[in-house]
Structure formats: C-alpha cells, structure tokens
Amino acid sequence: MNAYKELLDLNSLRKSNQTKQIWIAFRTAFPYTVPIFTGFVFLGIAYGIFMNSLGFSAIYPILMSLLIFAGSMEFVAANFMLMAFNPLNALLLTLMVNARHLFYGISMLDKYRGAEKKVST
C-alpha cells in the first residue's frame, strides 16, 4: 500500500511541476501574442459589422469564425450566402484567394534549403 501512495505522490509532483512549466511558458509567450490578438479582435469586429450590414444575425459570424479557417474567405463566403450557390465558382474563388500562400512558401525556400527532414521517434 505504501508503494501505491508513493506512486500517487510522484504523479502529483510531476503534474505540479508540469503545471508550473506551462504557466512559465504562458507568461513568457503572452506579450508576443498581444499584437496578433489585437489584430484579430479588430478583424472580428469588422467582420461582425459587415455581416450585420448584410442582414445576418450574430450567430452567423460566430459560427463561420469557428468553422472557416481562412479569414479572408469568411468575407467572401458572406457574399456567397446572398446569391445563388454555384459550387464551381466557390471552389475556384477559394483556390484563387488562398493561392497567395504559395508565394509565402516560395519566399521561404532559400531560408530552409539546407534543412534536414525531422524524423519523430
């Protein structure tokens, strides 16, 4: 029975140490996230106002923000919701809007040219 209590004590010690490490990491990283967070807040407000001006209730921008992981496509999707749905047009426009990420990747090629592939063990 003592071995079991010692094991529980070790587990609680590990959890408290892990909690401290997470808290230290959070406090260290938080100041770097404030500018990004501020930008997201203002974009979210602008998107809410835009959706309201199109006549949608508040639940639409909330759900779309949770489900669409491409911020610029949220603005485009709002207009798509007002007209007849054409899947081919939606697909092509989504590909064109998000094609900008290709250029982001191309600009990083030189930086990561000699990088080795990481293998997780």
Protein backbone atom coordinates (compact mmCIF):
# COMPACT_ATOMS: atom_id res chain seq x y z
CA MET A 1 0.00 0.00 0.00
CA ASN A 2 2.91 2.37 0.70
CA ALA A 3 4.25 1.85 -2.82
CA TYR A 4 0.88 2.93 -4.19
CA LYS A 5 0.90 6.11 -2.06
CA GLU A 6 4.46 6.87 -3.17
CA LEU A 7 3.42 6.46 -6.80
CA LEU A 8 0.50 8.84 -6.28
CA ASP A 9 2.83 11.35 -4.65
CA LEU A 10 5.23 11.10 -7.61
CA ASN A 11 2.40 11.61 -10.09
CA SER A 12 1.09 14.65 -8.24
CA LEU A 13 4.65 16.07 -8.07
CA ARG A 14 5.06 15.60 -11.84
CA LYS A 15 1.70 17.25 -12.53
CA SER A 16 2.50 20.25 -10.34
CA ASN A 17 5.92 20.61 -12.00
CA GLN A 18 4.32 20.37 -15.42
CA THR A 19 1.72 22.97 -14.43
CA LYS A 20 4.47 25.33 -13.32
CA GLN A 21 6.31 24.87 -16.62
CA ILE A 22 3.14 25.55 -18.60
CA TRP A 23 2.46 28.68 -16.56
CA ILE A 24 6.03 29.93 -17.09
CA ALA A 25 5.75 29.28 -20.83
CA PHE A 26 2.41 31.11 -20.96
CA ARG A 27 3.77 34.16 -19.12
CA THR A 28 6.80 34.23 -21.41
CA ALA A 29 4.81 33.90 -24.65
CA PHE A 30 1.84 36.12 -23.82
CA PRO A 31 3.47 39.52 -24.52
CA TYR A 32 4.36 38.32 -28.01
CA THR A 33 0.75 37.35 -28.72
CA VAL A 34 -0.81 40.70 -27.80
CA PRO A 35 -0.21 42.41 -31.20
CA ILE A 36 -1.63 39.44 -33.11
CA PHE A 37 -4.57 39.17 -30.72
CA THR A 38 -5.30 42.89 -31.13
CA GLY A 39 -5.37 42.50 -34.91
CA PHE A 40 -7.73 39.53 -34.66
CA VAL A 41 -10.06 41.44 -32.35
CA PHE A 42 -10.40 44.33 -34.79
CA LEU A 43 -10.85 41.99 -37.76
CA GLY A 44 -13.52 40.12 -35.82
CA ILE A 45 -15.34 43.35 -35.03
CA ALA A 46 -15.14 44.44 -38.67
CA TYR A 47 -16.45 41.05 -39.80
CA GLY A 48 -19.34 41.21 -37.33
CA ILE A 49 -20.29 44.69 -38.54
CA PHE A 50 -20.01 43.55 -42.17
CA MET A 51 -22.25 40.53 -41.58
CA ASN A 52 -24.75 42.68 -39.69
CA SER A 53 -24.85 45.17 -42.57
CA LEU A 54 -25.72 42.28 -44.91
CA GLY A 55 -28.67 41.40 -42.65
CA PHE A 56 -27.31 38.31 -40.85
CA SER A 57 -27.82 37.72 -37.15
CA ALA A 58 -24.90 37.41 -34.73
CA ILE A 59 -24.88 33.60 -34.80
CA TYR A 60 -23.70 33.52 -38.44
CA PRO A 61 -20.37 35.32 -37.97
CA ILE A 62 -19.73 33.36 -34.76
CA LEU A 63 -20.30 30.01 -36.46
CA MET A 64 -18.39 30.98 -39.58
CA SER A 65 -15.44 32.17 -37.50
CA LEU A 66 -15.40 28.83 -35.71
CA LEU A 67 -15.75 26.71 -38.86
CA ILE A 68 -13.79 28.56 -41.58
CA PHE A 69 -10.03 28.55 -41.10
CA ALA A 70 -9.31 31.16 -43.78
CA GLY A 71 -10.16 34.64 -42.56
CA SER A 72 -10.41 36.24 -45.98
CA MET A 73 -12.79 33.52 -47.14
CA GLU A 74 -15.21 34.47 -44.38
CA PHE A 75 -15.73 37.82 -46.07
CA VAL A 76 -16.15 36.13 -49.46
CA ALA A 77 -18.48 33.46 -48.04
CA ALA A 78 -20.77 36.18 -46.70
CA ASN A 79 -21.35 37.36 -50.25
CA PHE A 80 -21.76 33.80 -51.48
CA MET A 81 -24.57 33.33 -48.97
CA LEU A 82 -26.53 36.15 -50.61
CA MET A 83 -26.53 34.78 -54.16
CA ALA A 84 -27.37 31.53 -55.89
CA PHE A 85 -24.86 28.85 -54.91
CA ASN A 86 -22.50 27.69 -57.62
CA PRO A 87 -20.03 25.11 -56.23
CA LEU A 88 -17.54 25.54 -59.09
CA ASN A 89 -17.36 29.30 -58.59
CA ALA A 90 -16.93 28.82 -54.83
CA LEU A 91 -14.11 26.31 -55.36
CA LEU A 92 -12.28 28.43 -57.93
CA LEU A 93 -12.55 31.62 -55.91
CA THR A 94 -11.36 29.82 -52.77
CA LEU A 95 -8.34 28.46 -54.65
CA MET A 96 -7.53 31.88 -56.10
CA VAL A 97 -7.84 33.72 -52.79
CA ASN A 98 -5.75 31.17 -50.92
CA ALA A 99 -3.15 30.83 -53.71
CA ARG A 100 -1.28 33.68 -52.04
CA HIS A 101 0.09 31.11 -49.60
CA LEU A 102 2.09 29.60 -52.47
CA PHE A 103 4.05 32.83 -52.74
CA TYR A 104 4.64 32.88 -48.99
CA GLY A 105 6.12 29.40 -49.29
CA ILE A 106 8.24 30.28 -52.31
CA SER A 107 9.74 33.21 -50.42
CA MET A 108 10.86 30.80 -47.66
CA LEU A 109 12.64 28.31 -49.96
CA ASP A 110 16.07 29.88 -49.59
CA LYS A 111 15.77 30.05 -45.83
CA TYR A 112 15.05 26.32 -45.48
CA ARG A 113 17.04 25.00 -48.46
CA GLY A 114 19.59 23.01 -46.43
CA ALA A 115 17.20 21.93 -43.70
CA GLU A 116 17.02 18.24 -42.99
CA LYS A 117 13.77 16.40 -42.66
CA LYS A 118 12.96 15.83 -38.98
CA VAL A 119 12.03 12.30 -38.02
CA SER A 120 9.96 11.85 -34.87
CA THR A 121 10.82 8.89 -32.71
